[in-house]
Amino acid sequence: MAGASPAEAIVVRNLWQVFPRKEGISISSADVMDEQRVREMDESDDTVVAMKDVCLTVYEGETFIIMGLSGSGKSTLIRCLLRLVEPTSGEVCILGHNVTAMGKRELVQFRREKISMVFQHYGLLPHRTVADNVAFGLKLRGEPEESRKEKVTWALETVGLTGWGKYYPSALSGGMRQRVGIARALVMDAPILLMDEPFSGLDPMIRRELQDELIHLQRDMRKTIFFVTHDLSEALRMGDRMAIMRRGEIVQVGSPDEVVANPADEYVARFVSDEKEQFERGRAFIGSGPGREATACVS
């Protein structure tokens, strides 16, 4: 129906994550409901409050960026979505399924069918070929061999690795290994793609190439991409919307342009200041026109 609201792909409600630093410390959902107890845990050396009452909605087909400095809670959040880290309290619903209420067997099946993941550290199996690495999830899912081969061929071609299927990871560069990781995710044809700083360990040129490839692929695939990064320029290039995290809390959600133009507080303003300054300098340079001195564009 024309004008209908986009469907919700990921909904996070009141999500908390508190890590004990010492053995024997027990933390329950009741603890995070008590404001005084939360303050005590936040100030204590015995616990780390990694996420505080996080709420957000990601819509189908969008690339949603989570940004923050190291220790802001962004990687903890993406791991809580699939309970790779068990949340202390709160609810995660993905494609209408309450992930936080699933039993172990149901959760494993849901991960295999609905979610693909790409991490910064490729996690490739060194004793298996590139093709076998890409096909690994399909094999676990029980796909027939011929079907696996067809999908692997398509995935390697899609990420620019045609002809590399028989090689082992040790023969590949870092950028090529990350392409294998992306191919391994794409081949599963899951509607949700989770990416935790997948390009941050790569050289700038390779990183830019992979960003461009993912943007191009997304135009055709229209997956729901949940993308964690600490790089603002990467977020601005790739995101439809973004959330800024600070000390376990979401401090602003909006389009990249909105966040840069109208930061919610001083923390976000500092976060986006360099990008905003570059934008203003570029605008001044364009506005200077031909025949004017370049030094007029520099403050």
C-alpha atoms as a PDB file:
ATOM      1  CA  MET A   1       0.000   0.000   0.000  1.00  0.00           C
ATOM      2  CA  ALA A   2       1.363   3.410  -0.981  1.00  0.00           C
ATOM      3  CA  GLY A   3       2.521   5.474   1.969  1.00  0.00           C
ATOM      4  CA  ALA A   4       2.604   2.515   4.342  1.00  0.00           C
ATOM      5  CA  SER A   5       5.160   2.657   7.130  1.00  0.00           C
ATOM      6  CA  PRO A   6       8.222   0.409   6.698  1.00  0.00           C
ATOM      7  CA  ALA A   7       8.118  -2.867   8.593  1.00  0.00           C
ATOM      8  CA  GLU A   8      10.143  -3.205  11.780  1.00  0.00           C
ATOM      9  CA  ALA A   9      13.104  -5.560  11.366  1.00  0.00           C
ATOM     10  CA  ILE A  10      14.836  -5.169  14.757  1.00  0.00           C
ATOM     11  CA  VAL A  11      13.219  -3.792  17.896  1.00  0.00           C
ATOM     12  CA  VAL A  12      15.243  -3.378  21.103  1.00  0.00           C
ATOM     13  CA  ARG A  13      13.360  -2.529  24.285  1.00  0.00           C
ATOM     14  CA  ASN A  14      14.917  -1.507  27.602  1.00  0.00           C
ATOM     15  CA  LEU A  15      18.079  -3.547  27.059  1.00  0.00           C
ATOM     16  CA  TRP A  16      20.612  -3.692  29.896  1.00  0.00           C
ATOM     17  CA  GLN A  17      23.944  -5.464  30.118  1.00  0.00           C
ATOM     18  CA  VAL A  18      25.933  -5.564  33.352  1.00  0.00           C
ATOM     19  CA  PHE A  19      29.147  -7.578  33.478  1.00  0.00           C
ATOM     20  CA  PRO A  20      30.597  -8.773  36.799  1.00  0.00           C
ATOM     21  CA  ARG A  21      34.338  -8.249  37.168  1.00  0.00           C
ATOM     22  CA  LYS A  22      34.697 -10.923  39.835  1.00  0.00           C
ATOM     23  CA  GLU A  23      33.466 -14.468  40.246  1.00  0.00           C
ATOM     24  CA  GLY A  24      30.508 -15.019  42.499  1.00  0.00           C
ATOM     25  CA  ILE A  25      28.764 -11.711  41.710  1.00  0.00           C
ATOM     26  CA  SER A  26      25.168 -12.307  40.622  1.00  0.00           C
ATOM     27  CA  ILE A  27      23.226  -9.630  38.744  1.00  0.00           C
ATOM     28  CA  SER A  28      19.514  -9.961  37.975  1.00  0.00           C
ATOM     29  CA  SER A  29      16.942  -7.996  36.003  1.00  0.00           C
ATOM     30  CA  ALA A  30      15.608  -6.705  39.326  1.00  0.00           C
ATOM     31  CA  ASP A  31      18.937  -4.943  39.964  1.00  0.00           C
ATOM     32  CA  VAL A  32      18.640  -2.735  36.867  1.00  0.00           C
ATOM     33  CA  MET A  33      15.106  -1.690  37.833  1.00  0.00           C
ATOM     34  CA  ASP A  34      16.489  -0.119  41.013  1.00  0.00           C
ATOM     35  CA  GLU A  35      18.015   3.311  40.239  1.00  0.00           C
ATOM     36  CA  GLN A  36      20.105   3.336  43.407  1.00  0.00           C
ATOM     37  CA  ARG A  37      21.443  -0.135  42.639  1.00  0.00           C
ATOM     38  CA  VAL A  38      22.346   0.957  39.078  1.00  0.00           C
ATOM     39  CA  ARG A  39      24.313   3.928  40.427  1.00  0.00           C
ATOM     40  CA  GLU A  40      26.149   1.639  42.828  1.00  0.00           C
ATOM     41  CA  MET A  41      27.030  -0.812  40.040  1.00  0.00           C
ATOM     42  CA  ASP A  42      28.137   2.028  37.754  1.00  0.00           C
ATOM     43  CA  GLU A  43      30.531   3.353  40.395  1.00  0.00           C
ATOM     44  CA  SER A  44      31.715  -0.044  41.615  1.00  0.00           C
ATOM     45  CA  ASP A  45      34.964  -1.743  40.637  1.00  0.00           C
ATOM     46  CA  ASP A  46      33.129  -5.068  40.791  1.00  0.00           C
ATOM     47  CA  THR A  47      30.790  -4.488  37.822  1.00  0.00           C
ATOM     48  CA  VAL A  48      30.682  -2.850  34.382  1.00  0.00           C
ATOM     49  CA  VAL A  49      27.368  -1.392  33.187  1.00  0.00           C
ATOM     50  CA  ALA A  50      27.916  -1.852  29.456  1.00  0.00           C
ATOM     51  CA  MET A  51      24.377  -0.996  28.292  1.00  0.00           C
ATOM     52  CA  LYS A  52      21.770   1.157  29.997  1.00  0.00           C
ATOM     53  CA  ASP A  53      18.107   0.884  29.019  1.00  0.00           C
ATOM     54  CA  VAL A  54      18.795   0.843  25.263  1.00  0.00           C
ATOM     55  CA  CYS A  55      15.727   1.244  23.026  1.00  0.00           C
ATOM     56  CA  LEU A  56      15.806   1.460  19.230  1.00  0.00           C
ATOM     57  CA  THR A  57      14.001   0.335  16.084  1.00  0.00           C
ATOM     58  CA  VAL A  58      15.594  -0.677  12.783  1.00  0.00           C
ATOM     59  CA  TYR A  59      13.389  -0.923   9.696  1.00  0.00           C
ATOM     60  CA  GLU A  60      13.508  -3.515   6.929  1.00  0.00           C
ATOM     61  CA  GLY A  61      15.873  -2.671   4.097  1.00  0.00           C
ATOM     62  CA  GLU A  62      17.801   0.109   5.839  1.00  0.00           C
ATOM     63  CA  THR A  63      21.448   0.345   6.770  1.00  0.00           C
ATOM     64  CA  PHE A  64      21.458   1.340  10.425  1.00  0.00           C
ATOM     65  CA  ILE A  65      24.745   2.502  11.900  1.00  0.00           C
ATOM     66  CA  ILE A  66      25.779   2.226  15.557  1.00  0.00           C
ATOM     67  CA  MET A  67      28.596   4.632  16.400  1.00  0.00           C
ATOM     68  CA  GLY A  68      30.580   5.357  19.504  1.00  0.00           C
ATOM     69  CA  LEU A  69      34.038   5.544  20.961  1.00  0.00           C
ATOM     70  CA  SER A  70      35.773   2.460  22.358  1.00  0.00           C
ATOM     71  CA  GLY A  71      33.910   1.277  25.451  1.00  0.00           C
ATOM     72  CA  SER A  72      30.626   2.943  24.473  1.00  0.00           C
ATOM     73  CA  GLY A  73      28.786  -0.404  24.316  1.00  0.00           C
ATOM     74  CA  LYS A  74      28.272  -0.724  20.570  1.00  0.00           C
ATOM     75  CA  SER A  75      29.889  -4.162  20.177  1.00  0.00           C
ATOM     76  CA  THR A  76      28.110  -5.428  23.278  1.00  0.00           C
ATOM     77  CA  LEU A  77      24.825  -4.312  21.732  1.00  0.00           C
ATOM     78  CA  ILE A  78      25.320  -6.155  18.453  1.00  0.00           C
ATOM     79  CA  ARG A  79      26.271  -9.327  20.343  1.00  0.00           C
ATOM     80  CA  CYS A  80      23.192  -9.065  22.550  1.00  0.00           C
ATOM     81  CA  LEU A  81      20.943  -9.020  19.478  1.00  0.00           C
ATOM     82  CA  LEU A  82      21.639 -12.713  18.937  1.00  0.00           C
ATOM     83  CA  ARG A  83      22.483 -13.520  22.554  1.00  0.00           C
ATOM     84  CA  LEU A  84      26.120 -14.179  21.838  1.00  0.00           C
ATOM     85  CA  VAL A  85      26.165 -12.156  25.034  1.00  0.00           C
ATOM     86  CA  GLU A  86      23.142 -12.796  27.245  1.00  0.00           C
ATOM     87  CA  PRO A  87      21.420  -9.507  28.154  1.00  0.00           C
ATOM     88  CA  THR A  88      20.901  -8.823  31.843  1.00  0.00           C
ATOM     89  CA  SER A  89      17.425  -7.465  31.144  1.00  0.00           C
ATOM     90  CA  GLY A  90      15.236  -6.268  28.284  1.00  0.00           C
ATOM     91  CA  GLU A  91      13.824  -7.605  25.036  1.00  0.00           C
ATOM     92  CA  VAL A  92      15.067  -8.075  21.476  1.00  0.00           C
ATOM     93  CA  CYS A  93      12.599  -8.822  18.675  1.00  0.00           C
ATOM     94  CA  ILE A  94      13.873  -9.604  15.172  1.00  0.00           C
ATOM     95  CA  LEU A  95      11.422  -9.970  12.281  1.00  0.00           C
ATOM     96  CA  GLY A  96       8.630 -10.310  14.824  1.00  0.00           C
ATOM     97  CA  HIS A  97      10.351 -13.075  16.811  1.00  0.00           C
ATOM     98  CA  ASN A  98      11.232 -12.514  20.467  1.00  0.00           C
ATOM     99  CA  VAL A  99      14.876 -13.591  20.464  1.00  0.00           C
ATOM    100  CA  THR A 100      15.269 -13.098  24.220  1.00  0.00           C
ATOM    101  CA  ALA A 101      12.525 -15.669  24.872  1.00  0.00           C
ATOM    102  CA  MET A 102      13.916 -18.412  22.605  1.00  0.00           C
ATOM    103  CA  GLY A 103      15.217 -21.725  23.845  1.00  0.00           C
ATOM    104  CA  LYS A 104      18.694 -22.862  22.810  1.00  0.00           C
ATOM    105  CA  ARG A 105      17.635 -25.066  19.889  1.00  0.00           C
ATOM    106  CA  GLU A 106      15.195 -22.481  18.526  1.00  0.00           C
ATOM    107  CA  LEU A 107      17.844 -19.775  18.809  1.00  0.00           C
ATOM    108  CA  VAL A 108      20.433 -21.819  16.870  1.00  0.00           C
ATOM    109  CA  GLN A 109      17.918 -22.461  14.074  1.00  0.00           C
ATOM    110  CA  PHE A 110      16.902 -18.805  13.989  1.00  0.00           C
ATOM    111  CA  ARG A 111      20.523 -17.677  13.674  1.00  0.00           C
ATOM    112  CA  ARG A 112      21.105 -20.049  10.758  1.00  0.00           C
ATOM    113  CA  GLU A 113      18.039 -18.954   8.813  1.00  0.00           C
ATOM    114  CA  LYS A 114      17.493 -15.263   9.560  1.00  0.00           C
ATOM    115  CA  ILE A 115      20.867 -13.716  10.414  1.00  0.00           C
ATOM    116  CA  SER A 116      24.271 -13.435   8.769  1.00  0.00           C
ATOM    117  CA  MET A 117      27.241 -11.927  10.577  1.00  0.00           C
ATOM    118  CA  VAL A 118      30.509 -10.277   9.550  1.00  0.00           C
ATOM    119  CA  PHE A 119      33.109  -9.345  12.153  1.00  0.00           C
ATOM    120  CA  GLN A 120      36.340  -7.344  12.117  1.00  0.00           C
ATOM    121  CA  HIS A 121      38.357 -10.521  12.690  1.00  0.00           C
ATOM    122  CA  TYR A 122      37.426 -12.693   9.763  1.00  0.00           C
ATOM    123  CA  GLY A 123      37.203 -15.974  11.686  1.00  0.00           C
ATOM    124  CA  LEU A 124      38.092 -18.041   8.624  1.00  0.00           C
ATOM    125  CA  LEU A 125      38.992 -21.697   9.108  1.00  0.00           C
ATOM    126  CA  PRO A 126      42.678 -21.889   8.062  1.00  0.00           C
ATOM    127  CA  HIS A 127      42.596 -25.589   7.144  1.00  0.00           C
ATOM    128  CA  ARG A 128      39.641 -25.144   4.761  1.00  0.00           C
ATOM    129  CA  THR A 129      39.670 -23.602   1.284  1.00  0.00           C
ATOM    130  CA  VAL A 130      37.992 -20.295   0.510  1.00  0.00           C
ATOM    131  CA  ALA A 131      35.071 -22.151  -1.090  1.00  0.00           C
ATOM    132  CA  ASP A 132      34.696 -24.428   1.941  1.00  0.00           C
ATOM    133  CA  ASN A 133      34.757 -21.419   4.267  1.00  0.00           C
ATOM    134  CA  VAL A 134      32.012 -19.715   2.290  1.00  0.00           C
ATOM    135  CA  ALA A 135      29.948 -22.913   2.178  1.00  0.00           C
ATOM    136  CA  PHE A 136      30.370 -23.718   5.877  1.00  0.00           C
ATOM    137  CA  GLY A 137      27.067 -22.224   7.033  1.00  0.00           C
ATOM    138  CA  LEU A 138      25.166 -23.822   4.170  1.00  0.00           C
ATOM    139  CA  LYS A 139      26.615 -27.206   5.113  1.00  0.00           C
ATOM    140  CA  LEU A 140      25.526 -26.750   8.728  1.00  0.00           C
ATOM    141  CA  ARG A 141      22.064 -25.856   7.454  1.00  0.00           C
ATOM    142  CA  GLY A 142      21.925 -29.132   5.515  1.00  0.00           C
ATOM    143  CA  GLU A 143      21.941 -27.758   1.966  1.00  0.00           C
ATOM    144  CA  PRO A 144      22.708 -30.304  -0.821  1.00  0.00           C
ATOM    145  CA  GLU A 145      26.226 -30.196  -2.254  1.00  0.00           C
ATOM    146  CA  GLU A 146      25.231 -29.036  -5.758  1.00  0.00           C
ATOM    147  CA  SER A 147      23.164 -26.200  -4.327  1.00  0.00           C
ATOM    148  CA  ARG A 148      26.093 -25.188  -2.101  1.00  0.00           C
ATOM    149  CA  LYS A 149      28.474 -25.073  -5.069  1.00  0.00           C
ATOM    150  CA  GLU A 150      26.137 -22.850  -7.095  1.00  0.00           C
ATOM    151  CA  LYS A 151      25.629 -20.419  -4.222  1.00  0.00           C
ATOM    152  CA  VAL A 152      29.333 -20.285  -3.372  1.00  0.00           C
ATOM    153  CA  THR A 153      30.219 -19.546  -7.020  1.00  0.00           C
ATOM    154  CA  TRP A 154      27.678 -16.697  -7.030  1.00  0.00           C
ATOM    155  CA  ALA A 155      28.896 -15.292  -3.704  1.00  0.00           C
ATOM    156  CA  LEU A 156      32.579 -15.302  -4.687  1.00  0.00           C
ATOM    157  CA  GLU A 157      31.761 -13.635  -7.993  1.00  0.00           C
ATOM    158  CA  THR A 158      29.659 -11.034  -6.168  1.00  0.00           C
ATOM    159  CA  VAL A 159      32.563  -9.994  -3.909  1.00  0.00           C
ATOM    160  CA  GLY A 160      35.163 -10.086  -6.685  1.00  0.00           C
ATOM    161  CA  LEU A 161      36.883 -13.363  -5.791  1.00  0.00           C
ATOM    162  CA  THR A 162      36.124 -15.485  -8.861  1.00  0.00           C
ATOM    163  CA  GLY A 163      38.829 -18.135  -9.224  1.00  0.00           C
ATOM    164  CA  TRP A 164      39.965 -17.997  -5.602  1.00  0.00           C
ATOM    165  CA  GLY A 165      37.773 -20.806  -4.270  1.00  0.00           C
ATOM    166  CA  LYS A 166      40.542 -23.436  -4.171  1.00  0.00           C
ATOM    167  CA  TYR A 167      43.016 -21.258  -2.258  1.00  0.00           C
ATOM    168  CA  TYR A 168      43.502 -21.276   1.504  1.00  0.00           C
ATOM    169  CA  PRO A 169      43.104 -18.147   3.676  1.00  0.00           C
ATOM    170  CA  SER A 170      46.866 -17.890   4.202  1.00  0.00           C
ATOM    171  CA  ALA A 171      47.273 -17.063   0.501  1.00  0.00           C
ATOM    172  CA  LEU A 172      44.936 -14.065   0.703  1.00  0.00           C
ATOM    173  CA  SER A 173      45.499 -10.447   1.690  1.00  0.00           C
ATOM    174  CA  GLY A 174      43.553  -8.894   4.560  1.00  0.00           C
ATOM    175  CA  GLY A 175      41.098  -7.255   2.182  1.00  0.00           C
ATOM    176  CA  MET A 176      40.526 -10.516   0.337  1.00  0.00           C
ATOM    177  CA  ARG A 177      39.930 -12.378   3.594  1.00  0.00           C
ATOM    178  CA  GLN A 178      37.299  -9.822   4.555  1.00  0.00           C
ATOM    179  CA  ARG A 179      35.669 -10.343   1.156  1.00  0.00           C
ATOM    180  CA  VAL A 180      35.488 -14.050   1.999  1.00  0.00           C
ATOM    181  CA  GLY A 181      33.785 -13.115   5.269  1.00  0.00           C
ATOM    182  CA  ILE A 182      31.242 -11.028   3.366  1.00  0.00           C
ATOM    183  CA  ALA A 183      30.693 -13.819   0.839  1.00  0.00           C
ATOM    184  CA  ARG A 184      30.134 -16.274   3.692  1.00  0.00           C
ATOM    185  CA  ALA A 185      27.417 -13.956   5.009  1.00  0.00           C
ATOM    186  CA  LEU A 186      25.796 -13.261   1.629  1.00  0.00           C
ATOM    187  CA  VAL A 187      25.606 -16.910   0.638  1.00  0.00           C
ATOM    188  CA  MET A 188      23.187 -17.608   3.494  1.00  0.00           C
ATOM    189  CA  ASP A 189      20.669 -15.202   1.915  1.00  0.00           C
ATOM    190  CA  ALA A 190      19.451 -14.127   5.354  1.00  0.00           C
ATOM    191  CA  PRO A 191      17.296 -10.983   5.573  1.00  0.00           C
ATOM    192  CA  ILE A 192      19.381  -9.474   8.426  1.00  0.00           C
ATOM    193  CA  LEU A 193      23.099  -8.717   8.136  1.00  0.00           C
ATOM    194  CA  LEU A 194      25.018  -7.841  11.309  1.00  0.00           C
ATOM    195  CA  MET A 195      28.438  -6.221  10.777  1.00  0.00           C
ATOM    196  CA  ASP A 196      30.749  -5.377  13.681  1.00  0.00           C
ATOM    197  CA  GLU A 197      33.495  -2.998  12.484  1.00  0.00           C
ATOM    198  CA  PRO A 198      34.165  -5.238   9.474  1.00  0.00           C
ATOM    199  CA  PHE A 199      36.555  -2.853   7.689  1.00  0.00           C
ATOM    200  CA  SER A 200      38.351  -1.184  10.575  1.00  0.00           C
ATOM    201  CA  GLY A 201      41.545  -3.270  10.366  1.00  0.00           C
ATOM    202  CA  LEU A 202      42.105  -2.625   6.669  1.00  0.00           C
ATOM    203  CA  ASP A 203      44.207  -0.093   4.758  1.00  0.00           C
ATOM    204  CA  PRO A 204      42.247   3.072   3.838  1.00  0.00           C
ATOM    205  CA  MET A 205      42.137   2.319   0.100  1.00  0.00           C
ATOM    206  CA  ILE A 206      40.939  -1.277   0.589  1.00  0.00           C
ATOM    207  CA  ARG A 207      38.477  -0.077   3.184  1.00  0.00           C
ATOM    208  CA  ARG A 208      37.035   2.444   0.733  1.00  0.00           C
ATOM    209  CA  GLU A 209      36.727  -0.215  -1.968  1.00  0.00           C
ATOM    210  CA  LEU A 210      34.828  -2.570   0.338  1.00  0.00           C
ATOM    211  CA  GLN A 211      32.546   0.233   1.487  1.00  0.00           C
ATOM    212  CA  ASP A 212      31.764   1.011  -2.153  1.00  0.00           C
ATOM    213  CA  GLU A 213      31.091  -2.658  -2.887  1.00  0.00           C
ATOM    214  CA  LEU A 214      28.743  -3.021   0.064  1.00  0.00           C
ATOM    215  CA  ILE A 215      26.850   0.144  -0.923  1.00  0.00           C
ATOM    216  CA  HIS A 216      26.496  -1.225  -4.457  1.00  0.00           C
ATOM    217  CA  LEU A 217      25.364  -4.641  -3.207  1.00  0.00           C
ATOM    218  CA  GLN A 218      22.842  -3.080  -0.858  1.00  0.00           C
ATOM    219  CA  ARG A 219      21.148  -1.259  -3.728  1.00  0.00           C
ATOM    220  CA  ASP A 220      20.335  -4.666  -5.230  1.00  0.00           C
ATOM    221  CA  MET A 221      19.881  -6.782  -2.078  1.00  0.00           C
ATOM    222  CA  ARG A 222      17.960  -4.387   0.184  1.00  0.00           C
ATOM    223  CA  LYS A 223      18.995  -6.353   3.255  1.00  0.00           C
ATOM    224  CA  THR A 224      18.543  -4.950   6.723  1.00  0.00           C
ATOM    225  CA  ILE A 225      22.105  -4.081   7.769  1.00  0.00           C
ATOM    226  CA  PHE A 226      23.051  -3.365  11.381  1.00  0.00           C
ATOM    227  CA  PHE A 227      26.539  -1.882  11.091  1.00  0.00           C
ATOM    228  CA  VAL A 228      28.843  -1.004  13.988  1.00  0.00           C
ATOM    229  CA  THR A 229      31.712   1.434  13.429  1.00  0.00           C
ATOM    230  CA  HIS A 230      33.743   4.082  15.234  1.00  0.00           C
ATOM    231  CA  ASP A 231      34.529   5.868  11.953  1.00  0.00           C
ATOM    232  CA  LEU A 232      32.220   8.833  11.315  1.00  0.00           C
ATOM    233  CA  SER A 233      33.114   9.201   7.623  1.00  0.00           C
ATOM    234  CA  GLU A 234      32.228   5.517   7.120  1.00  0.00           C
ATOM    235  CA  ALA A 235      28.908   6.047   8.900  1.00  0.00           C
ATOM    236  CA  LEU A 236      28.078   9.088   6.773  1.00  0.00           C
ATOM    237  CA  ARG A 237      28.834   7.218   3.550  1.00  0.00           C
ATOM    238  CA  MET A 238      26.916   4.074   4.358  1.00  0.00           C
ATOM    239  CA  GLY A 239      24.100   4.782   6.762  1.00  0.00           C
ATOM    240  CA  ASP A 240      20.429   5.564   6.187  1.00  0.00           C
ATOM    241  CA  ARG A 241      20.161   6.305   9.906  1.00  0.00           C
ATOM    242  CA  MET A 242      22.602   6.204  12.771  1.00  0.00           C
ATOM    243  CA  ALA A 243      22.650   6.037  16.562  1.00  0.00           C
ATOM    244  CA  ILE A 244      25.400   7.535  18.702  1.00  0.00           C
ATOM    245  CA  MET A 245      26.285   5.644  21.898  1.00  0.00           C
ATOM    246  CA  ARG A 246      28.034   6.969  24.974  1.00  0.00           C
ATOM    247  CA  ARG A 247      28.791   4.913  28.099  1.00  0.00           C
ATOM    248  CA  GLY A 248      26.174   2.318  27.228  1.00  0.00           C
ATOM    249  CA  GLU A 249      23.382   4.730  26.322  1.00  0.00           C
ATOM    250  CA  ILE A 250      21.883   5.911  23.034  1.00  0.00           C
ATOM    251  CA  VAL A 251      22.276   9.687  23.001  1.00  0.00           C
ATOM    252  CA  GLN A 252      20.970  10.488  19.499  1.00  0.00           C
ATOM    253  CA  VAL A 253      19.270   8.749  16.574  1.00  0.00           C
ATOM    254  CA  GLY A 254      18.757  10.288  13.142  1.00  0.00           C
ATOM    255  CA  SER A 255      19.964  10.439   9.569  1.00  0.00           C
ATOM    256  CA  PRO A 256      23.703  11.136   9.230  1.00  0.00           C
ATOM    257  CA  ASP A 257      22.945  14.631   7.919  1.00  0.00           C
ATOM    258  CA  GLU A 258      20.646  15.351  10.884  1.00  0.00           C
ATOM    259  CA  VAL A 259      23.205  14.193  13.421  1.00  0.00           C
ATOM    260  CA  VAL A 260      25.995  16.282  11.890  1.00  0.00           C
ATOM    261  CA  ALA A 261      23.824  19.372  11.420  1.00  0.00           C
ATOM    262  CA  ASN A 262      21.956  19.193  14.738  1.00  0.00           C
ATOM    263  CA  PRO A 263      23.930  17.308  17.409  1.00  0.00           C
ATOM    264  CA  ALA A 264      21.833  16.497  20.457  1.00  0.00           C
ATOM    265  CA  ASP A 265      24.454  17.478  23.034  1.00  0.00           C
ATOM    266  CA  GLU A 266      28.064  18.516  23.521  1.00  0.00           C
ATOM    267  CA  TYR A 267      29.319  14.929  23.287  1.00  0.00           C
ATOM    268  CA  VAL A 268      27.746  14.414  19.849  1.00  0.00           C
ATOM    269  CA  ALA A 269      28.907  17.873  18.760  1.00  0.00           C
ATOM    270  CA  ARG A 270      32.513  16.968  19.582  1.00  0.00           C
ATOM    271  CA  PHE A 271      32.052  13.614  17.884  1.00  0.00           C
ATOM    272  CA  VAL A 272      30.979  15.193  14.584  1.00  0.00           C
ATOM    273  CA  SER A 273      33.052  18.391  14.766  1.00  0.00           C
ATOM    274  CA  ASP A 274      35.814  17.287  12.367  1.00  0.00           C
ATOM    275  CA  GLU A 275      33.319  16.147   9.738  1.00  0.00           C
ATOM    276  CA  LYS A 276      31.322  19.346  10.096  1.00  0.00           C
ATOM    277  CA  GLU A 277      34.481  21.449   9.737  1.00  0.00           C
ATOM    278  CA  GLN A 278      35.472  19.610   6.550  1.00  0.00           C
ATOM    279  CA  PHE A 279      31.984  20.160   5.149  1.00  0.00           C
ATOM    280  CA  GLU A 280      32.115  23.889   5.911  1.00  0.00           C
ATOM    281  CA  ARG A 281      35.567  24.193   4.335  1.00  0.00           C
ATOM    282  CA  GLY A 282      34.391  22.373   1.223  1.00  0.00           C
ATOM    283  CA  ARG A 283      31.366  24.622   0.947  1.00  0.00           C
ATOM    284  CA  ALA A 284      33.544  27.710   1.372  1.00  0.00           C
ATOM    285  CA  PHE A 285      35.942  26.468  -1.313  1.00  0.00           C
ATOM    286  CA  ILE A 286      33.106  25.856  -3.784  1.00  0.00           C
ATOM    287  CA  GLY A 287      31.637  29.248  -2.965  1.00  0.00           C
ATOM    288  CA  SER A 288      34.927  31.031  -3.540  1.00  0.00           C
ATOM    289  CA  GLY A 289      34.559  30.642  -7.306  1.00  0.00           C
ATOM    290  CA  PRO A 290      37.284  30.730  -9.998  1.00  0.00           C
ATOM    291  CA  GLY A 291      40.036  33.268  -9.764  1.00  0.00           C
ATOM    292  CA  ARG A 292      39.923  33.620  -5.999  1.00  0.00           C
ATOM    293  CA  GLU A 293      42.798  32.657  -3.781  1.00  0.00           C
ATOM    294  CA  ALA A 294      42.596  29.233  -2.188  1.00  0.00           C
ATOM    295  CA  THR A 295      43.739  30.739   1.111  1.00  0.00           C
ATOM    296  CA  ALA A 296      40.348  32.471   1.363  1.00  0.00           C
ATOM    297  CA  CYS A 297      38.809  29.066   2.001  1.00  0.00           C
ATOM    298  CA  VAL A 298      40.959  28.240   4.993  1.00  0.00           C
ATOM    299  CA  SER A 299      40.016  29.566   8.412  1.00  0.00           C
END
